[in-house]
Amino acid sequence: MPCSSLIGHDVNDRKLLSRDVPWPPEADFQLYAVATRFPQGLAAQVTLIPTAWPGVFDV
């Protein structure tokens, strides 16, 4: 799934949670992408930063 699709889902989730109240701040949400193999396409677009867990990266 392209990064723009993840951002679109983030915006939709915030809209659903704020029907009668102001939008929750962006800082209250985090985006996660899950892949069963190394994300070569994503790695070509951004820098993947290794974490303490094998196979888990920050972007």
PDB file of N, CA and C in Angstrom:
ATOM      1  N   MET A   1       0.852  -1.170   0.000  1.00  0.00           N
ATOM      2  CA  MET A   1       0.000   0.000   0.000  1.00  0.00           C
ATOM      3  C   MET A   1       0.897   1.232   0.000  1.00  0.00           C
ATOM      4  N   PRO A   2       0.680   2.152  -0.906  1.00  0.00           N
ATOM      5  CA  PRO A   2       1.494   3.368  -0.940  1.00  0.00           C
ATOM      6  C   PRO A   2       1.313   4.192   0.329  1.00  0.00           C
ATOM      7  N   CYS A   3       2.328   4.980   0.674  1.00  0.00           N
ATOM      8  CA  CYS A   3       2.262   5.825   1.872  1.00  0.00           C
ATOM      9  C   CYS A   3       1.055   6.750   1.830  1.00  0.00           C
ATOM     10  N   SER A   4       0.697   7.251   0.645  1.00  0.00           N
ATOM     11  CA  SER A   4      -0.457   8.159   0.550  1.00  0.00           C
ATOM     12  C   SER A   4      -1.743   7.462   0.979  1.00  0.00           C
ATOM     13  N   SER A   5      -1.848   6.156   0.754  1.00  0.00           N
ATOM     14  CA  SER A   5      -3.035   5.417   1.199  1.00  0.00           C
ATOM     15  C   SER A   5      -3.088   5.357   2.716  1.00  0.00           C
ATOM     16  N   LEU A   6      -1.939   5.152   3.360  1.00  0.00           N
ATOM     17  CA  LEU A   6      -1.914   5.133   4.825  1.00  0.00           C
ATOM     18  C   LEU A   6      -2.330   6.479   5.392  1.00  0.00           C
ATOM     19  N   ILE A   7      -1.856   7.552   4.791  1.00  0.00           N
ATOM     20  CA  ILE A   7      -2.218   8.891   5.264  1.00  0.00           C
ATOM     21  C   ILE A   7      -3.712   9.127   5.071  1.00  0.00           C
ATOM     22  N   GLY A   8      -4.261   8.652   3.962  1.00  0.00           N
ATOM     23  CA  GLY A   8      -5.702   8.780   3.728  1.00  0.00           C
ATOM     24  C   GLY A   8      -6.511   8.057   4.789  1.00  0.00           C
ATOM     25  N   HIS A   9      -6.072   6.871   5.184  1.00  0.00           N
ATOM     26  CA  HIS A   9      -6.769   6.139   6.244  1.00  0.00           C
ATOM     27  C   HIS A   9      -6.661   6.881   7.567  1.00  0.00           C
ATOM     28  N   ASP A  10      -5.519   7.491   7.834  1.00  0.00           N
ATOM     29  CA  ASP A  10      -5.330   8.272   9.054  1.00  0.00           C
ATOM     30  C   ASP A  10      -6.346   9.412   9.113  1.00  0.00           C
ATOM     31  N   VAL A  11      -6.502  10.135   8.023  1.00  0.00           N
ATOM     32  CA  VAL A  11      -7.449  11.255   7.978  1.00  0.00           C
ATOM     33  C   VAL A  11      -8.875  10.739   8.162  1.00  0.00           C
ATOM     34  N   ASN A  12      -9.224   9.634   7.510  1.00  0.00           N
ATOM     35  CA  ASN A  12     -10.578   9.083   7.660  1.00  0.00           C
ATOM     36  C   ASN A  12     -10.848   8.662   9.093  1.00  0.00           C
ATOM     37  N   ASP A  13      -9.881   8.035   9.748  1.00  0.00           N
ATOM     38  CA  ASP A  13     -10.064   7.628  11.143  1.00  0.00           C
ATOM     39  C   ASP A  13     -10.289   8.838  12.040  1.00  0.00           C
ATOM     40  N   ARG A  14      -9.518   9.883  11.819  1.00  0.00           N
ATOM     41  CA  ARG A  14      -9.699  11.093  12.626  1.00  0.00           C
ATOM     42  C   ARG A  14     -11.067  11.709  12.400  1.00  0.00           C
ATOM     43  N   LYS A  15     -11.559  11.683  11.172  1.00  0.00           N
ATOM     44  CA  LYS A  15     -12.898  12.212  10.886  1.00  0.00           C
ATOM     45  C   LYS A  15     -13.970  11.403  11.607  1.00  0.00           C
ATOM     46  N   LEU A  16     -13.847  10.070  11.571  1.00  0.00           N
ATOM     47  CA  LEU A  16     -14.836   9.222  12.220  1.00  0.00           C
ATOM     48  C   LEU A  16     -14.877   9.425  13.732  1.00  0.00           C
ATOM     49  N   LEU A  17     -13.731   9.673  14.331  1.00  0.00           N
ATOM     50  CA  LEU A  17     -13.662   9.856  15.776  1.00  0.00           C
ATOM     51  C   LEU A  17     -14.139  11.231  16.228  1.00  0.00           C
ATOM     52  N   SER A  18     -14.322  12.142  15.313  1.00  0.00           N
ATOM     53  CA  SER A  18     -14.622  13.524  15.701  1.00  0.00           C
ATOM     54  C   SER A  18     -15.903  14.037  15.049  1.00  0.00           C
ATOM     55  N   ARG A  19     -16.925  13.216  15.030  1.00  0.00           N
ATOM     56  CA  ARG A  19     -18.164  13.645  14.367  1.00  0.00           C
ATOM     57  C   ARG A  19     -18.768  14.890  14.996  1.00  0.00           C
ATOM     58  N   ASP A  20     -18.813  14.971  16.322  1.00  0.00           N
ATOM     59  CA  ASP A  20     -19.436  16.114  16.992  1.00  0.00           C
ATOM     60  C   ASP A  20     -18.460  16.923  17.831  1.00  0.00           C
ATOM     61  N   VAL A  21     -17.196  16.611  17.737  1.00  0.00           N
ATOM     62  CA  VAL A  21     -16.171  17.317  18.518  1.00  0.00           C
ATOM     63  C   VAL A  21     -15.032  17.697  17.573  1.00  0.00           C
ATOM     64  N   PRO A  22     -14.135  18.581  17.989  1.00  0.00           N
ATOM     65  CA  PRO A  22     -12.988  18.926  17.125  1.00  0.00           C
ATOM     66  C   PRO A  22     -12.122  17.699  16.837  1.00  0.00           C
ATOM     67  N   TRP A  23     -11.414  17.762  15.718  1.00  0.00           N
ATOM     68  CA  TRP A  23     -10.525  16.658  15.347  1.00  0.00           C
ATOM     69  C   TRP A  23      -9.496  16.422  16.431  1.00  0.00           C
ATOM     70  N   PRO A  24      -9.214  15.154  16.753  1.00  0.00           N
ATOM     71  CA  PRO A  24      -8.102  14.877  17.675  1.00  0.00           C
ATOM     72  C   PRO A  24      -6.787  15.313  17.027  1.00  0.00           C
ATOM     73  N   PRO A  25      -5.807  15.699  17.830  1.00  0.00           N
ATOM     74  CA  PRO A  25      -4.528  16.133  17.253  1.00  0.00           C
ATOM     75  C   PRO A  25      -3.808  14.983  16.546  1.00  0.00           C
ATOM     76  N   GLU A  26      -3.054  15.320  15.517  1.00  0.00           N
ATOM     77  CA  GLU A  26      -2.312  14.305  14.762  1.00  0.00           C
ATOM     78  C   GLU A  26      -1.369  13.518  15.659  1.00  0.00           C
ATOM     79  N   ALA A  27      -0.858  14.153  16.696  1.00  0.00           N
ATOM     80  CA  ALA A  27       0.092  13.486  17.581  1.00  0.00           C
ATOM     81  C   ALA A  27      -0.538  12.303  18.324  1.00  0.00           C
ATOM     82  N   ASP A  28      -1.869  12.254  18.384  1.00  0.00           N
ATOM     83  CA  ASP A  28      -2.552  11.147  19.062  1.00  0.00           C
ATOM     84  C   ASP A  28      -2.642   9.896  18.194  1.00  0.00           C
ATOM     85  N   PHE A  29      -2.202   9.975  16.941  1.00  0.00           N
ATOM     86  CA  PHE A  29      -2.301   8.866  16.009  1.00  0.00           C
ATOM     87  C   PHE A  29      -0.916   8.469  15.520  1.00  0.00           C
ATOM     88  N   GLN A  30      -0.750   7.186  15.242  1.00  0.00           N
ATOM     89  CA  GLN A  30       0.488   6.688  14.658  1.00  0.00           C
ATOM     90  C   GLN A  30       0.125   5.777  13.492  1.00  0.00           C
ATOM     91  N   LEU A  31       0.910   5.831  12.441  1.00  0.00           N
ATOM     92  CA  LEU A  31       0.695   4.977  11.279  1.00  0.00           C
ATOM     93  C   LEU A  31       1.671   3.811  11.323  1.00  0.00           C
ATOM     94  N   TYR A  32       1.155   2.638  11.026  1.00  0.00           N
ATOM     95  CA  TYR A  32       1.986   1.439  10.968  1.00  0.00           C
ATOM     96  C   TYR A  32       1.761   0.750   9.637  1.00  0.00           C
ATOM     97  N   ALA A  33       2.814   0.277   9.042  1.00  0.00           N
ATOM     98  CA  ALA A  33       2.715  -0.537   7.831  1.00  0.00           C
ATOM     99  C   ALA A  33       3.276  -1.909   8.169  1.00  0.00           C
ATOM    100  N   VAL A  34       2.591  -2.939   7.740  1.00  0.00           N
ATOM    101  CA  VAL A  34       3.026  -4.304   8.016  1.00  0.00           C
ATOM    102  C   VAL A  34       3.274  -4.999   6.682  1.00  0.00           C
ATOM    103  N   ALA A  35       4.435  -5.639   6.576  1.00  0.00           N
ATOM    104  CA  ALA A  35       4.772  -6.376   5.364  1.00  0.00           C
ATOM    105  C   ALA A  35       5.308  -7.747   5.764  1.00  0.00           C
ATOM    106  N   THR A  36       5.041  -8.735   4.934  1.00  0.00           N
ATOM    107  CA  THR A  36       5.547 -10.076   5.224  1.00  0.00           C
ATOM    108  C   THR A  36       6.966 -10.272   4.697  1.00  0.00           C
ATOM    109  N   ARG A  37       7.413  -9.353   3.851  1.00  0.00           N
ATOM    110  CA  ARG A  37       8.784  -9.372   3.336  1.00  0.00           C
ATOM    111  C   ARG A  37       9.380  -7.983   3.491  1.00  0.00           C
ATOM    112  N   PHE A  38      10.690  -7.876   3.294  1.00  0.00           N
ATOM    113  CA  PHE A  38      11.336  -6.570   3.392  1.00  0.00           C
ATOM    114  C   PHE A  38      10.714  -5.625   2.368  1.00  0.00           C
ATOM    115  N   PRO A  39      10.295  -4.435   2.785  1.00  0.00           N
ATOM    116  CA  PRO A  39       9.611  -3.498   1.869  1.00  0.00           C
ATOM    117  C   PRO A  39      10.586  -2.764   0.949  1.00  0.00           C
ATOM    118  N   GLN A  40      11.005  -3.413  -0.123  1.00  0.00           N
ATOM    119  CA  GLN A  40      12.009  -2.832  -1.012  1.00  0.00           C
ATOM    120  C   GLN A  40      11.538  -1.530  -1.647  1.00  0.00           C
ATOM    121  N   GLY A  41      10.267  -1.464  -2.034  1.00  0.00           N
ATOM    122  CA  GLY A  41       9.752  -0.231  -2.635  1.00  0.00           C
ATOM    123  C   GLY A  41       9.782   0.930  -1.651  1.00  0.00           C
ATOM    124  N   LEU A  42       9.373   0.678  -0.412  1.00  0.00           N
ATOM    125  CA  LEU A  42       9.408   1.725   0.614  1.00  0.00           C
ATOM    126  C   LEU A  42      10.841   2.106   0.940  1.00  0.00           C
ATOM    127  N   ALA A  43      11.717   1.129   1.042  1.00  0.00           N
ATOM    128  CA  ALA A  43      13.123   1.391   1.368  1.00  0.00           C
ATOM    129  C   ALA A  43      13.790   2.240   0.290  1.00  0.00           C
ATOM    130  N   ALA A  44      13.298   2.166  -0.945  1.00  0.00           N
ATOM    131  CA  ALA A  44      13.859   2.986  -2.027  1.00  0.00           C
ATOM    132  C   ALA A  44      13.397   4.436  -1.912  1.00  0.00           C
ATOM    133  N   GLN A  45      12.286   4.672  -1.188  1.00  0.00           N
ATOM    134  CA  GLN A  45      11.726   6.024  -1.078  1.00  0.00           C
ATOM    135  C   GLN A  45      12.164   6.754   0.182  1.00  0.00           C
ATOM    136  N   VAL A  46      12.367   6.027   1.276  1.00  0.00           N
ATOM    137  CA  VAL A  46      12.682   6.643   2.565  1.00  0.00           C
ATOM    138  C   VAL A  46      13.808   5.872   3.242  1.00  0.00           C
ATOM    139  N   THR A  47      14.357   6.433   4.292  1.00  0.00           N
ATOM    140  CA  THR A  47      15.380   5.751   5.068  1.00  0.00           C
ATOM    141  C   THR A  47      14.708   4.923   6.154  1.00  0.00           C
ATOM    142  N   LEU A  48      14.982   3.628   6.177  1.00  0.00           N
ATOM    143  CA  LEU A  48      14.451   2.751   7.214  1.00  0.00           C
ATOM    144  C   LEU A  48      15.452   2.713   8.362  1.00  0.00           C
ATOM    145  N   ILE A  49      14.998   3.037   9.554  1.00  0.00           N
ATOM    146  CA  ILE A  49      15.866   3.088  10.722  1.00  0.00           C
ATOM    147  C   ILE A  49      15.621   1.833  11.559  1.00  0.00           C
ATOM    148  N   PRO A  50      16.631   0.987  11.736  1.00  0.00           N
ATOM    149  CA  PRO A  50      16.449  -0.228  12.533  1.00  0.00           C
ATOM    150  C   PRO A  50      16.067   0.111  13.977  1.00  0.00           C
ATOM    151  N   THR A  51      15.262  -0.750  14.580  1.00  0.00           N
ATOM    152  CA  THR A  51      14.870  -0.597  15.992  1.00  0.00           C
ATOM    153  C   THR A  51      15.509  -1.728  16.791  1.00  0.00           C
ATOM    154  N   ALA A  52      15.117  -1.850  18.032  1.00  0.00           N
ATOM    155  CA  ALA A  52      15.651  -2.889  18.906  1.00  0.00           C
ATOM    156  C   ALA A  52      15.131  -4.269  18.515  1.00  0.00           C
ATOM    157  N   TRP A  53      14.097  -4.325  17.690  1.00  0.00           N
ATOM    158  CA  TRP A  53      13.496  -5.592  17.296  1.00  0.00           C
ATOM    159  C   TRP A  53      13.922  -5.947  15.883  1.00  0.00           C
ATOM    160  N   PRO A  54      14.395  -7.161  15.668  1.00  0.00           N
ATOM    161  CA  PRO A  54      14.821  -7.567  14.322  1.00  0.00           C
ATOM    162  C   PRO A  54      13.661  -7.470  13.321  1.00  0.00           C
ATOM    163  N   GLY A  55      13.916  -6.880  12.176  1.00  0.00           N
ATOM    164  CA  GLY A  55      12.892  -6.779  11.141  1.00  0.00           C
ATOM    165  C   GLY A  55      11.886  -5.666  11.335  1.00  0.00           C
ATOM    166  N   VAL A  56      12.047  -4.850  12.377  1.00  0.00           N
ATOM    167  CA  VAL A  56      11.143  -3.718  12.644  1.00  0.00           C
ATOM    168  C   VAL A  56      11.928  -2.433  12.423  1.00  0.00           C
ATOM    169  N   PHE A  57      11.350  -1.517  11.647  1.00  0.00           N
ATOM    170  CA  PHE A  57      12.035  -0.287  11.290  1.00  0.00           C
ATOM    171  C   PHE A  57      11.152   0.913  11.567  1.00  0.00           C
ATOM    172  N   ASP A  58      11.780   2.038  11.908  1.00  0.00           N
ATOM    173  CA  ASP A  58      11.124   3.332  11.983  1.00  0.00           C
ATOM    174  C   ASP A  58      11.363   4.043  10.668  1.00  0.00           C
ATOM    175  N   VAL A  59      10.429   4.899  10.298  1.00  0.00           N
ATOM    176  CA  VAL A  59      10.591   5.722   9.100  1.00  0.00           C
ATOM    177  C   VAL A  59      10.553   7.178   9.523  1.00  0.00           C
TER     178      VAL A  59
END
